[in-house]
């Protein structure tokens, strides 16, 4: 996956949408993305989903449950 070049790839890889682009590229051409990159993208997306779920749960508990809104 070489849209921005090799110099910016490590910086862009921290953006969650980059992992989704890796997964989409693997779905179109599985030979273009290594198995390790596919697994890393899946784990990275799963981690962001977990972080978002925990953040949402905490916001729900703080605003709706404890304040009675």
N, C-alpha and C. Protein backbone atom coordinates (compact mmCIF):
# COMPACT_ATOMS: atom_id res chain seq x y z
N UNK A 1 0.85 -1.17 0.00
CA UNK A 1 0.00 0.00 0.00
C UNK A 1 0.89 1.22 0.00
N UNK A 2 1.08 1.84 -1.13
CA UNK A 2 2.07 2.89 -1.24
C UNK A 2 1.48 4.13 -1.90
N UNK A 3 0.56 4.79 -1.24
CA UNK A 3 -0.04 5.99 -1.78
C UNK A 3 0.81 7.20 -1.45
N UNK A 4 1.28 7.29 -0.22
CA UNK A 4 2.03 8.46 0.23
C UNK A 4 3.54 8.27 0.19
N UNK A 5 3.99 7.11 -0.12
CA UNK A 5 5.42 6.87 -0.12
C UNK A 5 5.87 6.25 1.19
N UNK A 6 7.07 5.75 1.18
CA UNK A 6 7.59 5.04 2.35
C UNK A 6 7.91 5.96 3.52
N UNK A 7 8.21 7.23 3.28
CA UNK A 7 8.61 8.13 4.36
C UNK A 7 7.46 8.43 5.32
N UNK A 8 6.25 8.58 4.82
CA UNK A 8 5.11 8.94 5.66
C UNK A 8 4.30 7.75 6.16
N UNK A 9 4.58 6.58 5.67
CA UNK A 9 3.78 5.41 6.04
C UNK A 9 3.76 5.15 7.54
N UNK A 10 4.89 5.22 8.27
CA UNK A 10 4.81 4.97 9.72
C UNK A 10 3.94 5.99 10.46
N UNK A 11 3.92 7.22 10.00
CA UNK A 11 3.10 8.23 10.66
C UNK A 11 1.62 8.05 10.34
N UNK A 12 1.31 7.74 9.11
CA UNK A 12 -0.07 7.58 8.68
C UNK A 12 -0.66 6.28 9.24
N UNK A 13 0.17 5.31 9.54
CA UNK A 13 -0.31 4.02 10.02
C UNK A 13 -1.02 4.13 11.38
N UNK A 14 -0.82 5.21 12.11
CA UNK A 14 -1.48 5.38 13.40
C UNK A 14 -2.92 5.86 13.25
N UNK A 15 -3.30 6.31 12.08
CA UNK A 15 -4.66 6.75 11.83
C UNK A 15 -5.53 5.51 11.62
N UNK A 16 -6.64 5.37 12.35
CA UNK A 16 -7.46 4.16 12.21
C UNK A 16 -7.96 3.89 10.80
N UNK A 17 -8.19 4.92 10.02
CA UNK A 17 -8.68 4.70 8.67
C UNK A 17 -7.63 4.04 7.78
N UNK A 18 -6.37 4.17 8.12
CA UNK A 18 -5.32 3.51 7.35
C UNK A 18 -5.45 1.99 7.47
N UNK A 19 -5.75 1.52 8.67
CA UNK A 19 -5.94 0.08 8.85
C UNK A 19 -7.13 -0.42 8.05
N UNK A 20 -8.16 0.39 7.95
CA UNK A 20 -9.31 0.02 7.13
C UNK A 20 -8.94 -0.04 5.66
N UNK A 21 -8.09 0.89 5.21
CA UNK A 21 -7.64 0.87 3.82
C UNK A 21 -6.80 -0.38 3.53
N UNK A 22 -5.99 -0.79 4.49
CA UNK A 22 -5.22 -2.03 4.34
C UNK A 22 -6.16 -3.21 4.21
N UNK A 23 -7.19 -3.25 5.04
CA UNK A 23 -8.16 -4.35 4.97
C UNK A 23 -8.92 -4.34 3.64
N UNK A 24 -9.28 -3.17 3.16
CA UNK A 24 -9.97 -3.08 1.87
C UNK A 24 -9.07 -3.52 0.72
N UNK A 25 -7.81 -3.12 0.79
CA UNK A 25 -6.88 -3.54 -0.26
C UNK A 25 -6.70 -5.05 -0.25
N UNK A 26 -6.64 -5.64 0.94
CA UNK A 26 -6.50 -7.09 1.05
C UNK A 26 -7.74 -7.80 0.52
N UNK A 27 -8.89 -7.17 0.63
CA UNK A 27 -10.10 -7.82 0.11
C UNK A 27 -10.14 -7.79 -1.41
N UNK A 28 -9.52 -6.79 -2.01
CA UNK A 28 -9.49 -6.68 -3.47
C UNK A 28 -8.40 -7.56 -4.05
N UNK A 29 -7.20 -7.50 -3.46
CA UNK A 29 -6.06 -8.27 -3.96
C UNK A 29 -5.31 -8.85 -2.76
N UNK A 30 -5.66 -10.04 -2.31
CA UNK A 30 -5.04 -10.62 -1.11
C UNK A 30 -3.52 -10.79 -1.21
N UNK A 31 -3.01 -10.96 -2.41
CA UNK A 31 -1.57 -11.15 -2.56
C UNK A 31 -0.78 -9.86 -2.34
N UNK A 32 -1.44 -8.71 -2.39
CA UNK A 32 -0.72 -7.44 -2.26
C UNK A 32 -0.44 -7.06 -0.81
N UNK A 33 -1.12 -7.69 0.13
CA UNK A 33 -0.95 -7.38 1.55
C UNK A 33 -0.57 -8.65 2.28
N UNK A 34 0.49 -8.57 3.09
CA UNK A 34 0.93 -9.76 3.82
C UNK A 34 -0.08 -10.15 4.90
N UNK A 35 -0.01 -11.39 5.30
CA UNK A 35 -0.90 -11.89 6.34
C UNK A 35 -0.66 -11.15 7.65
N UNK A 36 0.60 -10.83 7.93
CA UNK A 36 0.94 -10.09 9.15
C UNK A 36 0.31 -8.69 9.12
N UNK A 37 0.35 -8.02 7.97
CA UNK A 37 -0.27 -6.69 7.85
C UNK A 37 -1.78 -6.78 8.00
N UNK A 38 -2.38 -7.82 7.47
CA UNK A 38 -3.83 -8.00 7.61
C UNK A 38 -4.20 -8.23 9.08
N UNK A 39 -3.45 -9.07 9.75
CA UNK A 39 -3.72 -9.34 11.16
C UNK A 39 -3.48 -8.09 12.01
N UNK A 40 -2.44 -7.36 11.70
CA UNK A 40 -2.16 -6.12 12.43
C UNK A 40 -3.26 -5.10 12.25
N UNK A 41 -3.76 -4.97 11.02
CA UNK A 41 -4.86 -4.04 10.75
C UNK A 41 -6.11 -4.45 11.51
N UNK A 42 -6.41 -5.73 11.53
CA UNK A 42 -7.60 -6.21 12.25
C UNK A 42 -7.47 -5.97 13.75
N UNK A 43 -6.31 -6.23 14.31
CA UNK A 43 -6.11 -6.00 15.74
C UNK A 43 -6.15 -4.52 16.08
N UNK A 44 -5.58 -3.70 15.21
CA UNK A 44 -5.59 -2.25 15.44
C UNK A 44 -7.02 -1.70 15.41
N UNK A 45 -7.81 -2.16 14.45
CA UNK A 45 -9.21 -1.73 14.39
C UNK A 45 -10.00 -2.24 15.59
N UNK A 46 -9.73 -3.47 16.00
CA UNK A 46 -10.41 -4.01 17.18
C UNK A 46 -10.06 -3.21 18.43
N UNK A 47 -8.82 -2.78 18.54
CA UNK A 47 -8.41 -1.96 19.69
C UNK A 47 -9.14 -0.62 19.69
N UNK A 48 -9.27 0.01 18.54
CA UNK A 48 -9.99 1.28 18.46
C UNK A 48 -11.47 1.10 18.75
N UNK A 49 -12.04 0.00 18.32
CA UNK A 49 -13.45 -0.27 18.63
C UNK A 49 -13.62 -0.44 20.13
N UNK A 50 -12.71 -1.15 20.78
CA UNK A 50 -12.78 -1.35 22.22
C UNK A 50 -12.64 -0.03 22.96
N UNK A 51 -11.68 0.82 22.52
CA UNK A 51 -11.49 2.13 23.15
C UNK A 51 -12.75 2.98 23.01
N UNK A 52 -13.33 2.99 21.82
CA UNK A 52 -14.56 3.75 21.61
C UNK A 52 -15.72 3.24 22.43
N UNK A 53 -15.81 1.92 22.55
CA UNK A 53 -16.89 1.33 23.35
C UNK A 53 -16.73 1.70 24.82
N UNK A 54 -15.50 1.63 25.35
CA UNK A 54 -15.26 1.98 26.75
C UNK A 54 -15.55 3.46 27.00
N UNK A 55 -15.14 4.32 26.06
CA UNK A 55 -15.37 5.75 26.19
C UNK A 55 -16.87 6.04 26.19
N UNK A 56 -17.60 5.41 25.30
CA UNK A 56 -19.05 5.60 25.23
C UNK A 56 -19.74 5.09 26.49
N UNK A 57 -19.31 3.95 26.98
CA UNK A 57 -19.89 3.40 28.21
C UNK A 57 -19.65 4.33 29.39
N UNK A 58 -18.45 4.87 29.49
CA UNK A 58 -18.14 5.80 30.58
C UNK A 58 -18.98 7.07 30.47
N UNK A 59 -19.12 7.59 29.26
CA UNK A 59 -19.94 8.79 29.06
C UNK A 59 -21.40 8.51 29.40
N UNK A 60 -21.90 7.35 29.04
CA UNK A 60 -23.27 6.97 29.37
C UNK A 60 -23.46 6.89 30.88
N UNK A 61 -22.54 6.23 31.55
CA UNK A 61 -22.66 6.09 33.00
C UNK A 61 -22.55 7.43 33.71
N UNK A 62 -21.66 8.30 33.22
CA UNK A 62 -21.49 9.60 33.88
C UNK A 62 -22.65 10.55 33.64
N UNK A 63 -23.22 10.54 32.46
CA UNK A 63 -24.25 11.52 32.17
C UNK A 63 -25.66 11.01 32.43
N UNK A 64 -25.97 9.81 32.01
CA UNK A 64 -27.35 9.32 32.14
C UNK A 64 -27.63 8.61 33.45
N UNK A 65 -26.70 7.80 33.88
CA UNK A 65 -26.97 6.99 35.07
C UNK A 65 -26.75 7.78 36.35
N UNK A 66 -25.62 8.45 36.48
CA UNK A 66 -25.31 9.11 37.76
C UNK A 66 -25.98 10.46 37.91
N UNK A 67 -26.22 11.18 36.80
CA UNK A 67 -26.86 12.50 36.91
C UNK A 67 -28.36 12.43 36.72
N UNK A 68 -28.90 11.31 36.33
CA UNK A 68 -30.34 11.13 36.23
C UNK A 68 -31.01 11.87 35.08
N UNK A 69 -30.28 12.12 34.01
CA UNK A 69 -30.89 12.80 32.86
C UNK A 69 -31.70 11.88 32.04
